[in-house]
Amino acid sequence: MPKKILAVDDEASLRELLKRALTASDYHVTLACCAEEARALMSANIYDLLITDLILPDGAGTELIDFTSGRHGATKSIMISGAVEPWEMPLFVEKYKLEGFFAKPFSMDALLGKVREVLG
């Protein structure tokens, strides 16, 4: 059974790129454009991995990580953002127990490699 990934970003083109790349790697991908939509999806489903932008129009990716970890402790998380300095990334990884943090623009191959590493 394919692993389930929830990808959350307010940029439609990036969401679609994530969906194409992850689906081509045999993952089941659900997309959300904002925190509210993501919370509704996470309330109704269990995901193996959350990939979320840090800054969303109606909240923060960190809130989604807190939300999913409070509900489903096994959900792993990867953060993506164009608004964080490189020196800040390890702080987010440690504080939110992230599997990884990718600064935009990032290599899709690098992200796919990390997803494979995380989900097996």
PDB file of N, CA and C in Angstrom:
ATOM      1  N   MET A   1       0.839  -1.183   0.000  1.00  0.00           N
ATOM      2  CA  MET A   1       0.000   0.000   0.000  1.00  0.00           C
ATOM      3  C   MET A   1       0.884   1.247   0.000  1.00  0.00           C
ATOM      4  N   PRO A   2       0.596   2.201  -0.897  1.00  0.00           N
ATOM      5  CA  PRO A   2       1.423   3.419  -0.961  1.00  0.00           C
ATOM      6  C   PRO A   2       1.331   4.240   0.321  1.00  0.00           C
ATOM      7  N   LYS A   3       2.447   4.836   0.683  1.00  0.00           N
ATOM      8  CA  LYS A   3       2.474   5.740   1.835  1.00  0.00           C
ATOM      9  C   LYS A   3       1.703   7.008   1.485  1.00  0.00           C
ATOM     10  N   LYS A   4       1.027   7.582   2.491  1.00  0.00           N
ATOM     11  CA  LYS A   4       0.196   8.766   2.284  1.00  0.00           C
ATOM     12  C   LYS A   4       0.932  10.030   2.732  1.00  0.00           C
ATOM     13  N   ILE A   5       0.950  11.010   1.827  1.00  0.00           N
ATOM     14  CA  ILE A   5       1.627  12.275   2.089  1.00  0.00           C
ATOM     15  C   ILE A   5       0.623  13.416   1.933  1.00  0.00           C
ATOM     16  N   LEU A   6       0.639  14.339   2.871  1.00  0.00           N
ATOM     17  CA  LEU A   6      -0.118  15.578   2.764  1.00  0.00           C
ATOM     18  C   LEU A   6       0.882  16.691   2.483  1.00  0.00           C
ATOM     19  N   ALA A   7       0.723  17.371   1.347  1.00  0.00           N
ATOM     20  CA  ALA A   7       1.600  18.479   0.968  1.00  0.00           C
ATOM     21  C   ALA A   7       0.813  19.777   1.043  1.00  0.00           C
ATOM     22  N   VAL A   8       1.338  20.735   1.811  1.00  0.00           N
ATOM     23  CA  VAL A   8       0.623  21.989   2.067  1.00  0.00           C
ATOM     24  C   VAL A   8       1.498  23.170   1.643  1.00  0.00           C
ATOM     25  N   ASP A   9       0.985  23.939   0.685  1.00  0.00           N
ATOM     26  CA  ASP A   9       1.675  25.147   0.239  1.00  0.00           C
ATOM     27  C   ASP A   9       0.661  26.051  -0.439  1.00  0.00           C
ATOM     28  N   ASP A  10       0.819  27.354  -0.286  1.00  0.00           N
ATOM     29  CA  ASP A  10      -0.126  28.275  -0.903  1.00  0.00           C
ATOM     30  C   ASP A  10       0.179  28.546  -2.374  1.00  0.00           C
ATOM     31  N   GLU A  11       1.308  28.102  -2.877  1.00  0.00           N
ATOM     32  CA  GLU A  11       1.655  28.264  -4.284  1.00  0.00           C
ATOM     33  C   GLU A  11       1.133  27.059  -5.073  1.00  0.00           C
ATOM     34  N   ALA A  12       0.136  27.300  -5.923  1.00  0.00           N
ATOM     35  CA  ALA A  12      -0.494  26.219  -6.685  1.00  0.00           C
ATOM     36  C   ALA A  12       0.509  25.475  -7.561  1.00  0.00           C
ATOM     37  N   SER A  13       1.429  26.202  -8.191  1.00  0.00           N
ATOM     38  CA  SER A  13       2.388  25.543  -9.082  1.00  0.00           C
ATOM     39  C   SER A  13       3.307  24.600  -8.306  1.00  0.00           C
ATOM     40  N   LEU A  14       3.715  25.001  -7.102  1.00  0.00           N
ATOM     41  CA  LEU A  14       4.562  24.123  -6.292  1.00  0.00           C
ATOM     42  C   LEU A  14       3.774  22.911  -5.805  1.00  0.00           C
ATOM     43  N   ARG A  15       2.527  23.114  -5.405  1.00  0.00           N
ATOM     44  CA  ARG A  15       1.694  21.976  -4.985  1.00  0.00           C
ATOM     45  C   ARG A  15       1.597  20.948  -6.112  1.00  0.00           C
ATOM     46  N   GLU A  16       1.336  21.416  -7.316  1.00  0.00           N
ATOM     47  CA  GLU A  16       1.196  20.503  -8.450  1.00  0.00           C
ATOM     48  C   GLU A  16       2.509  19.802  -8.774  1.00  0.00           C
ATOM     49  N   LEU A  17       3.615  20.525  -8.677  1.00  0.00           N
ATOM     50  CA  LEU A  17       4.927  19.915  -8.902  1.00  0.00           C
ATOM     51  C   LEU A  17       5.203  18.833  -7.858  1.00  0.00           C
ATOM     52  N   LEU A  18       4.894  19.125  -6.604  1.00  0.00           N
ATOM     53  CA  LEU A  18       5.058  18.128  -5.543  1.00  0.00           C
ATOM     54  C   LEU A  18       4.196  16.903  -5.826  1.00  0.00           C
ATOM     55  N   LYS A  19       2.959  17.124  -6.223  1.00  0.00           N
ATOM     56  CA  LYS A  19       2.059  16.004  -6.487  1.00  0.00           C
ATOM     57  C   LYS A  19       2.591  15.129  -7.616  1.00  0.00           C
ATOM     58  N   ARG A  20       3.009  15.758  -8.711  1.00  0.00           N
ATOM     59  CA  ARG A  20       3.527  14.980  -9.855  1.00  0.00           C
ATOM     60  C   ARG A  20       4.762  14.171  -9.455  1.00  0.00           C
ATOM     61  N   ALA A  21       5.699  14.815  -8.783  1.00  0.00           N
ATOM     62  CA  ALA A  21       6.957  14.142  -8.425  1.00  0.00           C
ATOM     63  C   ALA A  21       6.724  13.023  -7.418  1.00  0.00           C
ATOM     64  N   LEU A  22       5.917  13.277  -6.404  1.00  0.00           N
ATOM     65  CA  LEU A  22       5.687  12.270  -5.369  1.00  0.00           C
ATOM     66  C   LEU A  22       4.808  11.129  -5.880  1.00  0.00           C
ATOM     67  N   THR A  23       3.823  11.443  -6.689  1.00  0.00           N
ATOM     68  CA  THR A  23       2.962  10.401  -7.267  1.00  0.00           C
ATOM     69  C   THR A  23       3.777   9.504  -8.203  1.00  0.00           C
ATOM     70  N   ALA A  24       4.669  10.105  -8.971  1.00  0.00           N
ATOM     71  CA  ALA A  24       5.528   9.328  -9.868  1.00  0.00           C
ATOM     72  C   ALA A  24       6.446   8.390  -9.082  1.00  0.00           C
ATOM     73  N   SER A  25       6.684   8.710  -7.807  1.00  0.00           N
ATOM     74  CA  SER A  25       7.506   7.851  -6.946  1.00  0.00           C
ATOM     75  C   SER A  25       6.649   6.904  -6.111  1.00  0.00           C
ATOM     76  N   ASP A  26       5.393   6.726  -6.537  1.00  0.00           N
ATOM     77  CA  ASP A  26       4.464   5.758  -5.936  1.00  0.00           C
ATOM     78  C   ASP A  26       3.976   6.119  -4.539  1.00  0.00           C
ATOM     79  N   TYR A  27       3.865   7.417  -4.264  1.00  0.00           N
ATOM     80  CA  TYR A  27       3.258   7.856  -3.013  1.00  0.00           C
ATOM     81  C   TYR A  27       1.840   8.336  -3.313  1.00  0.00           C
ATOM     82  N   HIS A  28       0.952   8.193  -2.349  1.00  0.00           N
ATOM     83  CA  HIS A  28      -0.409   8.725  -2.465  1.00  0.00           C
ATOM     84  C   HIS A  28      -0.369  10.132  -1.881  1.00  0.00           C
ATOM     85  N   VAL A  29      -0.659  11.137  -2.714  1.00  0.00           N
ATOM     86  CA  VAL A  29      -0.470  12.523  -2.324  1.00  0.00           C
ATOM     87  C   VAL A  29      -1.803  13.266  -2.276  1.00  0.00           C
ATOM     88  N   THR A  30      -2.021  13.963  -1.164  1.00  0.00           N
ATOM     89  CA  THR A  30      -3.163  14.862  -1.005  1.00  0.00           C
ATOM     90  C   THR A  30      -2.597  16.261  -0.860  1.00  0.00           C
ATOM     91  N   LEU A  31      -3.243  17.229  -1.494  1.00  0.00           N
ATOM     92  CA  LEU A  31      -2.770  18.609  -1.463  1.00  0.00           C
ATOM     93  C   LEU A  31      -3.701  19.496  -0.646  1.00  0.00           C
ATOM     94  N   ALA A  32      -3.112  20.492   0.006  1.00  0.00           N
ATOM     95  CA  ALA A  32      -3.882  21.519   0.705  1.00  0.00           C
ATOM     96  C   ALA A  32      -3.215  22.862   0.434  1.00  0.00           C
ATOM     97  N   CYS A  33      -4.047  23.910   0.320  1.00  0.00           N
ATOM     98  CA  CYS A  33      -3.527  25.238  -0.007  1.00  0.00           C
ATOM     99  C   CYS A  33      -3.363  26.135   1.214  1.00  0.00           C
ATOM    100  N   CYS A  34      -3.886  25.693   2.356  1.00  0.00           N
ATOM    101  CA  CYS A  34      -3.848  26.554   3.544  1.00  0.00           C
ATOM    102  C   CYS A  34      -3.949  25.691   4.802  1.00  0.00           C
ATOM    103  N   ALA A  35      -3.722  26.324   5.930  1.00  0.00           N
ATOM    104  CA  ALA A  35      -3.748  25.602   7.202  1.00  0.00           C
ATOM    105  C   ALA A  35      -5.131  25.045   7.512  1.00  0.00           C
ATOM    106  N   GLU A  36      -6.172  25.814   7.243  1.00  0.00           N
ATOM    107  CA  GLU A  36      -7.529  25.354   7.541  1.00  0.00           C
ATOM    108  C   GLU A  36      -7.862  24.076   6.761  1.00  0.00           C
ATOM    109  N   GLU A  37      -7.548  24.068   5.475  1.00  0.00           N
ATOM    110  CA  GLU A  37      -7.806  22.879   4.657  1.00  0.00           C
ATOM    111  C   GLU A  37      -6.970  21.700   5.156  1.00  0.00           C
ATOM    112  N   ALA A  38      -5.726  21.946   5.507  1.00  0.00           N
ATOM    113  CA  ALA A  38      -4.848  20.882   5.993  1.00  0.00           C
ATOM    114  C   ALA A  38      -5.360  20.286   7.301  1.00  0.00           C
ATOM    115  N   ARG A  39      -5.794  21.142   8.221  1.00  0.00           N
ATOM    116  CA  ARG A  39      -6.331  20.632   9.495  1.00  0.00           C
ATOM    117  C   ARG A  39      -7.569  19.765   9.263  1.00  0.00           C
ATOM    118  N   ALA A  40      -8.436  20.182   8.344  1.00  0.00           N
ATOM    119  CA  ALA A  40      -9.635  19.389   8.043  1.00  0.00           C
ATOM    120  C   ALA A  40      -9.239  18.028   7.483  1.00  0.00           C
ATOM    121  N   LEU A  41      -8.264  18.005   6.591  1.00  0.00           N
ATOM    122  CA  LEU A  41      -7.807  16.734   6.017  1.00  0.00           C
ATOM    123  C   LEU A  41      -7.164  15.851   7.085  1.00  0.00           C
ATOM    124  N   MET A  42      -6.365  16.451   7.964  1.00  0.00           N
ATOM    125  CA  MET A  42      -5.696  15.676   9.012  1.00  0.00           C
ATOM    126  C   MET A  42      -6.687  15.190  10.064  1.00  0.00           C
ATOM    127  N   SER A  43      -7.800  15.878  10.219  1.00  0.00           N
ATOM    128  CA  SER A  43      -8.826  15.428  11.160  1.00  0.00           C
ATOM    129  C   SER A  43      -9.534  14.181  10.646  1.00  0.00           C
ATOM    130  N   ALA A  44      -9.584  14.041   9.335  1.00  0.00           N
ATOM    131  CA  ALA A  44     -10.324  12.938   8.727  1.00  0.00           C
ATOM    132  C   ALA A  44      -9.433  11.792   8.247  1.00  0.00           C
ATOM    133  N   ASN A  45      -8.122  12.006   8.203  1.00  0.00           N
ATOM    134  CA  ASN A  45      -7.209  11.013   7.639  1.00  0.00           C
ATOM    135  C   ASN A  45      -5.929  10.935   8.459  1.00  0.00           C
ATOM    136  N   ILE A  46      -5.225   9.839   8.293  1.00  0.00           N
ATOM    137  CA  ILE A  46      -3.898   9.680   8.889  1.00  0.00           C
ATOM    138  C   ILE A  46      -2.895   9.672   7.745  1.00  0.00           C
ATOM    139  N   TYR A  47      -1.874  10.500   7.855  1.00  0.00           N
ATOM    140  CA  TYR A  47      -0.841  10.592   6.834  1.00  0.00           C
ATOM    141  C   TYR A  47       0.474  10.085   7.407  1.00  0.00           C
ATOM    142  N   ASP A  48       1.288   9.502   6.538  1.00  0.00           N
ATOM    143  CA  ASP A  48       2.608   9.032   6.942  1.00  0.00           C
ATOM    144  C   ASP A  48       3.614  10.177   6.996  1.00  0.00           C
ATOM    145  N   LEU A  49       3.355  11.215   6.172  1.00  0.00           N
ATOM    146  CA  LEU A  49       4.286  12.336   6.085  1.00  0.00           C
ATOM    147  C   LEU A  49       3.520  13.615   5.781  1.00  0.00           C
ATOM    148  N   LEU A  50       3.896  14.678   6.474  1.00  0.00           N
ATOM    149  CA  LEU A  50       3.391  16.020   6.220  1.00  0.00           C
ATOM    150  C   LEU A  50       4.541  16.836   5.650  1.00  0.00           C
ATOM    151  N   ILE A  51       4.328  17.395   4.460  1.00  0.00           N
ATOM    152  CA  ILE A  51       5.281  18.347   3.880  1.00  0.00           C
ATOM    153  C   ILE A  51       4.552  19.685   3.873  1.00  0.00           C
ATOM    154  N   THR A  52       5.083  20.657   4.605  1.00  0.00           N
ATOM    155  CA  THR A  52       4.369  21.920   4.732  1.00  0.00           C
ATOM    156  C   THR A  52       5.283  23.123   4.612  1.00  0.00           C
ATOM    157  N   ASP A  53       4.733  24.162   4.005  1.00  0.00           N
ATOM    158  CA  ASP A  53       5.399  25.453   3.969  1.00  0.00           C
ATOM    159  C   ASP A  53       5.350  26.030   5.378  1.00  0.00           C
ATOM    160  N   LEU A  54       6.333  26.825   5.725  1.00  0.00           N
ATOM    161  CA  LEU A  54       6.350  27.445   7.046  1.00  0.00           C
ATOM    162  C   LEU A  54       5.275  28.524   7.164  1.00  0.00           C
ATOM    163  N   ILE A  55       5.179  29.371   6.133  1.00  0.00           N
ATOM    164  CA  ILE A  55       4.252  30.495   6.191  1.00  0.00           C
ATOM    165  C   ILE A  55       3.090  30.245   5.234  1.00  0.00           C
ATOM    166  N   LEU A  56       1.897  30.175   5.801  1.00  0.00           N
ATOM    167  CA  LEU A  56       0.676  29.950   5.035  1.00  0.00           C
ATOM    168  C   LEU A  56      -0.225  31.172   5.211  1.00  0.00           C
ATOM    169  N   PRO A  57      -1.159  31.404   4.283  1.00  0.00           N
ATOM    170  CA  PRO A  57      -1.991  32.598   4.378  1.00  0.00           C
ATOM    171  C   PRO A  57      -2.812  32.681   5.665  1.00  0.00           C
ATOM    172  N   ASP A  58      -3.137  31.546   6.245  1.00  0.00           N
ATOM    173  CA  ASP A  58      -3.996  31.534   7.437  1.00  0.00           C
ATOM    174  C   ASP A  58      -3.359  30.835   8.633  1.00  0.00           C
ATOM    175  N   GLY A  59      -2.049  30.808   8.668  1.00  0.00           N
ATOM    176  CA  GLY A  59      -1.389  30.168   9.794  1.00  0.00           C
ATOM    177  C   GLY A  59       0.047  29.821   9.468  1.00  0.00           C
ATOM    178  N   ALA A  60       0.594  28.941  10.280  1.00  0.00           N
ATOM    179  CA  ALA A  60       1.988  28.535  10.109  1.00  0.00           C
ATOM    180  C   ALA A  60       2.086  27.020  10.025  1.00  0.00           C
ATOM    181  N   GLY A  61       3.045  26.572   9.241  1.00  0.00           N
ATOM    182  CA  GLY A  61       3.283  25.137   9.142  1.00  0.00           C
ATOM    183  C   GLY A  61       3.620  24.513  10.484  1.00  0.00           C
ATOM    184  N   THR A  62       4.234  25.290  11.361  1.00  0.00           N
ATOM    185  CA  THR A  62       4.559  24.763  12.683  1.00  0.00           C
ATOM    186  C   THR A  62       3.289  24.398  13.459  1.00  0.00           C
ATOM    187  N   GLU A  63       2.217  25.160  13.245  1.00  0.00           N
ATOM    188  CA  GLU A  63       0.937  24.839  13.895  1.00  0.00           C
ATOM    189  C   GLU A  63       0.390  23.510  13.374  1.00  0.00           C
ATOM    190  N   LEU A  64       0.591  23.251  12.094  1.00  0.00           N
ATOM    191  CA  LEU A  64       0.132  21.979  11.527  1.00  0.00           C
ATOM    192  C   LEU A  64       0.934  20.812  12.094  1.00  0.00           C
ATOM    193  N   ILE A  65       2.223  21.029  12.283  1.00  0.00           N
ATOM    194  CA  ILE A  65       3.058  19.980  12.870  1.00  0.00           C
ATOM    195  C   ILE A  65       2.599  19.701  14.300  1.00  0.00           C
ATOM    196  N   ASP A  66       2.338  20.747  15.058  1.00  0.00           N
ATOM    197  CA  ASP A  66       1.827  20.552  16.415  1.00  0.00           C
ATOM    198  C   ASP A  66       0.478  19.835  16.386  1.00  0.00           C
ATOM    199  N   PHE A  67      -0.388  20.213  15.458  1.00  0.00           N
ATOM    200  CA  PHE A  67      -1.718  19.615  15.344  1.00  0.00           C
ATOM    201  C   PHE A  67      -1.620  18.121  15.052  1.00  0.00           C
ATOM    202  N   THR A  68      -0.823  17.759  14.068  1.00  0.00           N
ATOM    203  CA  THR A  68      -0.740  16.345  13.684  1.00  0.00           C
ATOM    204  C   THR A  68       0.004  15.525  14.729  1.00  0.00           C
ATOM    205  N   SER A  69       1.002  16.091  15.380  1.00  0.00           N
ATOM    206  CA  SER A  69       1.716  15.312  16.388  1.00  0.00           C
ATOM    207  C   SER A  69       0.837  15.087  17.611  1.00  0.00           C
ATOM    208  N   GLY A  70      -0.051  16.015  17.876  1.00  0.00           N
ATOM    209  CA  GLY A  70      -0.981  15.845  18.978  1.00  0.00           C
ATOM    210  C   GLY A  70      -2.025  14.780  18.707  1.00  0.00           C
ATOM    211  N   ARG A  71      -2.325  14.551  17.438  1.00  0.00           N
ATOM    212  CA  ARG A  71      -3.340  13.580  17.045  1.00  0.00           C
ATOM    213  C   ARG A  71      -2.731  12.228  16.671  1.00  0.00           C
ATOM    214  N   HIS A  72      -1.682  12.275  15.891  1.00  0.00           N
ATOM    215  CA  HIS A  72      -1.079  11.054  15.339  1.00  0.00           C
ATOM    216  C   HIS A  72       0.433  11.167  15.506  1.00  0.00           C
ATOM    217  N   GLY A  73       0.937  10.720  16.613  1.00  0.00           N
ATOM    218  CA  GLY A  73       2.349  10.855  16.920  1.00  0.00           C
ATOM    219  C   GLY A  73       3.291  10.265  15.896  1.00  0.00           C
ATOM    220  N   ALA A  74       2.809   9.364  15.055  1.00  0.00           N
ATOM    221  CA  ALA A  74       3.685   8.711  14.090  1.00  0.00           C
ATOM    222  C   ALA A  74       3.885   9.521  12.816  1.00  0.00           C
ATOM    223  N   THR A  75       3.114  10.596  12.617  1.00  0.00           N
ATOM    224  CA  THR A  75       3.258  11.386  11.404  1.00  0.00           C
ATOM    225  C   THR A  75       4.587  12.115  11.422  1.00  0.00           C
ATOM    226  N   LYS A  76       5.356  11.942  10.367  1.00  0.00           N
ATOM    227  CA  LYS A  76       6.639  12.614  10.233  1.00  0.00           C
ATOM    228  C   LYS A  76       6.421  13.910   9.458  1.00  0.00           C
ATOM    229  N   SER A  77       7.350  14.863   9.600  1.00  0.00           N
ATOM    230  CA  SER A  77       7.162  16.169   8.974  1.00  0.00           C
ATOM    231  C   SER A  77       8.432  16.672   8.315  1.00  0.00           C
ATOM    232  N   ILE A  78       8.236  17.317   7.158  1.00  0.00           N
ATOM    233  CA  ILE A  78       9.294  18.035   6.450  1.00  0.00           C
ATOM    234  C   ILE A  78       8.779  19.447   6.218  1.00  0.00           C
ATOM    235  N   MET A  79       9.619  20.433   6.513  1.00  0.00           N
ATOM    236  CA  MET A  79       9.261  21.833   6.333  1.00  0.00           C
ATOM    237  C   MET A  79       9.935  22.362   5.073  1.00  0.00           C
ATOM    238  N   ILE A  80       9.225  23.237   4.351  1.00  0.00           N
ATOM    239  CA  ILE A  80       9.801  23.954   3.228  1.00  0.00           C
ATOM    240  C   ILE A  80       9.509  25.441   3.441  1.00  0.00           C
ATOM    241  N   SER A  81      10.440  26.298   3.029  1.00  0.00           N
ATOM    242  CA  SER A  81      10.212  27.728   3.223  1.00  0.00           C
ATOM    243  C   SER A  81      11.206  28.553   2.433  1.00  0.00           C
ATOM    244  N   GLY A  82      10.743  29.699   2.007  1.00  0.00           N
ATOM    245  CA  GLY A  82      11.624  30.675   1.381  1.00  0.00           C
ATOM    246  C   GLY A  82      11.907  31.838   2.316  1.00  0.00           C
ATOM    247  N   ALA A  83      11.474  31.739   3.554  1.00  0.00           N
ATOM    248  CA  ALA A  83      11.546  32.863   4.481  1.00  0.00           C
ATOM    249  C   ALA A  83      12.437  32.608   5.696  1.00  0.00           C
ATOM    250  N   VAL A  84      13.329  31.633   5.601  1.00  0.00           N
ATOM    251  CA  VAL A  84      14.169  31.286   6.749  1.00  0.00           C
ATOM    252  C   VAL A  84      15.637  31.350   6.331  1.00  0.00           C
ATOM    253  N   GLU A  85      16.438  31.922   7.194  1.00  0.00           N
ATOM    254  CA  GLU A  85      17.881  31.966   6.956  1.00  0.00           C
ATOM    255  C   GLU A  85      18.467  30.564   7.162  1.00  0.00           C
ATOM    256  N   PRO A  86      19.516  30.221   6.422  1.00  0.00           N
ATOM    257  CA  PRO A  86      20.110  28.882   6.559  1.00  0.00           C
ATOM    258  C   PRO A  86      20.484  28.508   7.989  1.00  0.00           C
ATOM    259  N   TRP A  87      20.953  29.456   8.770  1.00  0.00           N
ATOM    260  CA  TRP A  87      21.351  29.136  10.144  1.00  0.00           C
ATOM    261  C   TRP A  87      20.150  28.812  11.030  1.00  0.00           C
ATOM    262  N   GLU A  88      18.935  29.251  10.622  1.00  0.00           N
ATOM    263  CA  GLU A  88      17.737  28.985  11.418  1.00  0.00           C
ATOM    264  C   GLU A  88      17.178  27.576  11.194  1.00  0.00           C
ATOM    265  N   MET A  89      17.479  26.983  10.062  1.00  0.00           N
ATOM    266  CA  MET A  89      16.880  25.697   9.703  1.00  0.00           C
ATOM    267  C   MET A  89      17.120  24.612  10.750  1.00  0.00           C
ATOM    268  N   PRO A  90      18.356  24.434  11.257  1.00  0.00           N
ATOM    269  CA  PRO A  90      18.563  23.406  12.288  1.00  0.00           C
ATOM    270  C   PRO A  90      17.756  23.651  13.558  1.00  0.00           C
ATOM    271  N   LEU A  91      17.487  24.910  13.878  1.00  0.00           N
ATOM    272  CA  LEU A  91      16.679  25.223  15.057  1.00  0.00           C
ATOM    273  C   LEU A  91      15.250  24.706  14.890  1.00  0.00           C
ATOM    274  N   PHE A  92      14.682  24.881  13.683  1.00  0.00           N
ATOM    275  CA  PHE A  92      13.347  24.357  13.399  1.00  0.00           C
ATOM    276  C   PHE A  92      13.343  22.829  13.431  1.00  0.00           C
ATOM    277  N   VAL A  93      14.380  22.232  12.829  1.00  0.00           N
ATOM    278  CA  VAL A  93      14.474  20.767  12.800  1.00  0.00           C
ATOM    279  C   VAL A  93      14.461  20.216  14.216  1.00  0.00           C
ATOM    280  N   GLU A  94      15.249  20.824  15.084  1.00  0.00           N
ATOM    281  CA  GLU A  94      15.326  20.340  16.464  1.00  0.00           C
ATOM    282  C   GLU A  94      14.040  20.617  17.243  1.00  0.00           C
ATOM    283  N   LYS A  95      13.539  21.833  17.182  1.00  0.00           N
ATOM    284  CA  LYS A  95      12.375  22.213  17.980  1.00  0.00           C
ATOM    285  C   LYS A  95      11.127  21.419  17.595  1.00  0.00           C
ATOM    286  N   TYR A  96      10.924  21.198  16.292  1.00  0.00           N
ATOM    287  CA  TYR A  96       9.702  20.529  15.827  1.00  0.00           C
ATOM    288  C   TYR A  96       9.932  19.071  15.443  1.00  0.00           C
ATOM    289  N   LYS A  97      11.138  18.569  15.722  1.00  0.00           N
ATOM    290  CA  LYS A  97      11.486  17.173  15.421  1.00  0.00           C
ATOM    291  C   LYS A  97      11.194  16.834  13.960  1.00  0.00           C
ATOM    292  N   LEU A  98      11.647  17.731  13.081  1.00  0.00           N
ATOM    293  CA  LEU A  98      11.440  17.564  11.645  1.00  0.00           C
ATOM    294  C   LEU A  98      12.376  16.503  11.087  1.00  0.00           C
ATOM    295  N   GLU A  99      11.934  15.884  10.035  1.00  0.00           N
ATOM    296  CA  GLU A  99      12.791  14.941   9.308  1.00  0.00           C
ATOM    297  C   GLU A  99      13.730  15.701   8.382  1.00  0.00           C
ATOM    298  N   GLY A 100      13.369  16.937   8.060  1.00  0.00           N
ATOM    299  CA  GLY A 100      14.199  17.755   7.187  1.00  0.00           C
ATOM    300  C   GLY A 100      13.591  19.121   6.983  1.00  0.00           C
ATOM    301  N   PHE A 101      14.419  20.048   6.473  1.00  0.00           N
ATOM    302  CA  PHE A 101      13.980  21.405   6.178  1.00  0.00           C
ATOM    303  C   PHE A 101      14.618  21.792   4.854  1.00  0.00           C
ATOM    304  N   PHE A 102      13.794  22.208   3.909  1.00  0.00           N
ATOM    305  CA  PHE A 102      14.281  22.578   2.586  1.00  0.00           C
ATOM    306  C   PHE A 102      13.960  24.038   2.309  1.00  0.00           C
ATOM    307  N   ALA A 103      15.001  24.805   1.967  1.00  0.00           N
ATOM    308  CA  ALA A 103      14.834  26.211   1.630  1.00  0.00           C
ATOM    309  C   ALA A 103      14.427  26.317   0.167  1.00  0.00           C
ATOM    310  N   LYS A 104      13.417  27.151  -0.097  1.00  0.00           N
ATOM    311  CA  LYS A 104      12.991  27.407  -1.473  1.00  0.00           C
ATOM    312  C   LYS A 104      13.970  28.373  -2.118  1.00  0.00           C
ATOM    313  N   PRO A 105      14.318  28.168  -3.365  1.00  0.00           N
ATOM    314  CA  PRO A 105      13.971  27.013  -4.192  1.00  0.00           C
ATOM    315  C   PRO A 105      14.841  25.822  -3.805  1.00  0.00           C
ATOM    316  N   PHE A 106      14.268  24.644  -3.868  1.00  0.00           N
ATOM    317  CA  PHE A 106      15.006  23.437  -3.494  1.00  0.00           C
ATOM    318  C   PHE A 106      14.989  22.465  -4.664  1.00  0.00           C
ATOM    319  N   SER A 107      15.882  21.509  -4.595  1.00  0.00           N
ATOM    320  CA  SER A 107      15.963  20.468  -5.613  1.00  0.00           C
ATOM    321  C   SER A 107      14.897  19.410  -5.329  1.00  0.00           C
ATOM    322  N   MET A 108      14.072  19.142  -6.326  1.00  0.00           N
ATOM    323  CA  MET A 108      13.045  18.108  -6.150  1.00  0.00           C
ATOM    324  C   MET A 108      13.706  16.755  -5.927  1.00  0.00           C
ATOM    325  N   ASP A 109      14.843  16.515  -6.558  1.00  0.00           N
ATOM    326  CA  ASP A 109      15.560  15.250  -6.335  1.00  0.00           C
ATOM    327  C   ASP A 109      16.004  15.117  -4.881  1.00  0.00           C
ATOM    328  N   ALA A 110      16.474  16.223  -4.294  1.00  0.00           N
ATOM    329  CA  ALA A 110      16.888  16.187  -2.884  1.00  0.00           C
ATOM    330  C   ALA A 110      15.693  15.910  -1.985  1.00  0.00           C
ATOM    331  N   LEU A 111      14.564  16.557  -2.270  1.00  0.00           N
ATOM    332  CA  LEU A 111      13.363  16.327  -1.465  1.00  0.00           C
ATOM    333  C   LEU A 111      12.896  14.883  -1.606  1.00  0.00           C
ATOM    334  N   LEU A 112      12.865  14.368  -2.826  1.00  0.00           N
ATOM    335  CA  LEU A 112      12.447  12.970  -3.037  1.00  0.00           C
ATOM    336  C   LEU A 112      13.383  12.004  -2.321  1.00  0.00           C
ATOM    337  N   GLY A 113      14.672  12.310  -2.323  1.00  0.00           N
ATOM    338  CA  GLY A 113      15.624  11.467  -1.600  1.00  0.00           C
ATOM    339  C   GLY A 113      15.311  11.431  -0.110  1.00  0.00           C
ATOM    340  N   LYS A 114      14.992  12.594   0.438  1.00  0.00           N
ATOM    341  CA  LYS A 114      14.658  12.663   1.870  1.00  0.00           C
ATOM    342  C   LYS A 114      13.351  11.926   2.147  1.00  0.00           C
ATOM    343  N   VAL A 115      12.363  12.074   1.272  1.00  0.00           N
ATOM    344  CA  VAL A 115      11.088  11.369   1.465  1.00  0.00           C
ATOM    345  C   VAL A 115      11.325   9.862   1.447  1.00  0.00           C
ATOM    346  N   ARG A 116      12.119   9.370   0.504  1.00  0.00           N
ATOM    347  CA  ARG A 116      12.427   7.930   0.440  1.00  0.00           C
ATOM    348  C   ARG A 116      13.129   7.483   1.717  1.00  0.00           C
ATOM    349  N   GLU A 117      14.046   8.299   2.198  1.00  0.00           N
ATOM    350  CA  GLU A 117      14.779   7.972   3.427  1.00  0.00           C
ATOM    351  C   GLU A 117      13.804   7.883   4.624  1.00  0.00           C
ATOM    352  N   VAL A 118      12.882   8.825   4.696  1.00  0.00           N
ATOM    353  CA  VAL A 118      11.952   8.901   5.821  1.00  0.00           C
ATOM    354  C   VAL A 118      10.910   7.787   5.780  1.00  0.00           C
ATOM    355  N   LEU A 119      10.367   7.536   4.595  1.00  0.00           N
ATOM    356  CA  LEU A 119       9.264   6.570   4.478  1.00  0.00           C
ATOM    357  C   LEU A 119       9.714   5.159   4.098  1.00  0.00           C
ATOM    358  N   GLY A 120      10.980   5.025   3.724  1.00  0.00           N
ATOM    359  CA  GLY A 120      11.472   3.682   3.381  1.00  0.00           C
ATOM    360  C   GLY A 120      11.093   3.247   1.990  1.00  0.00           C
TER     361      GLY A 120
END
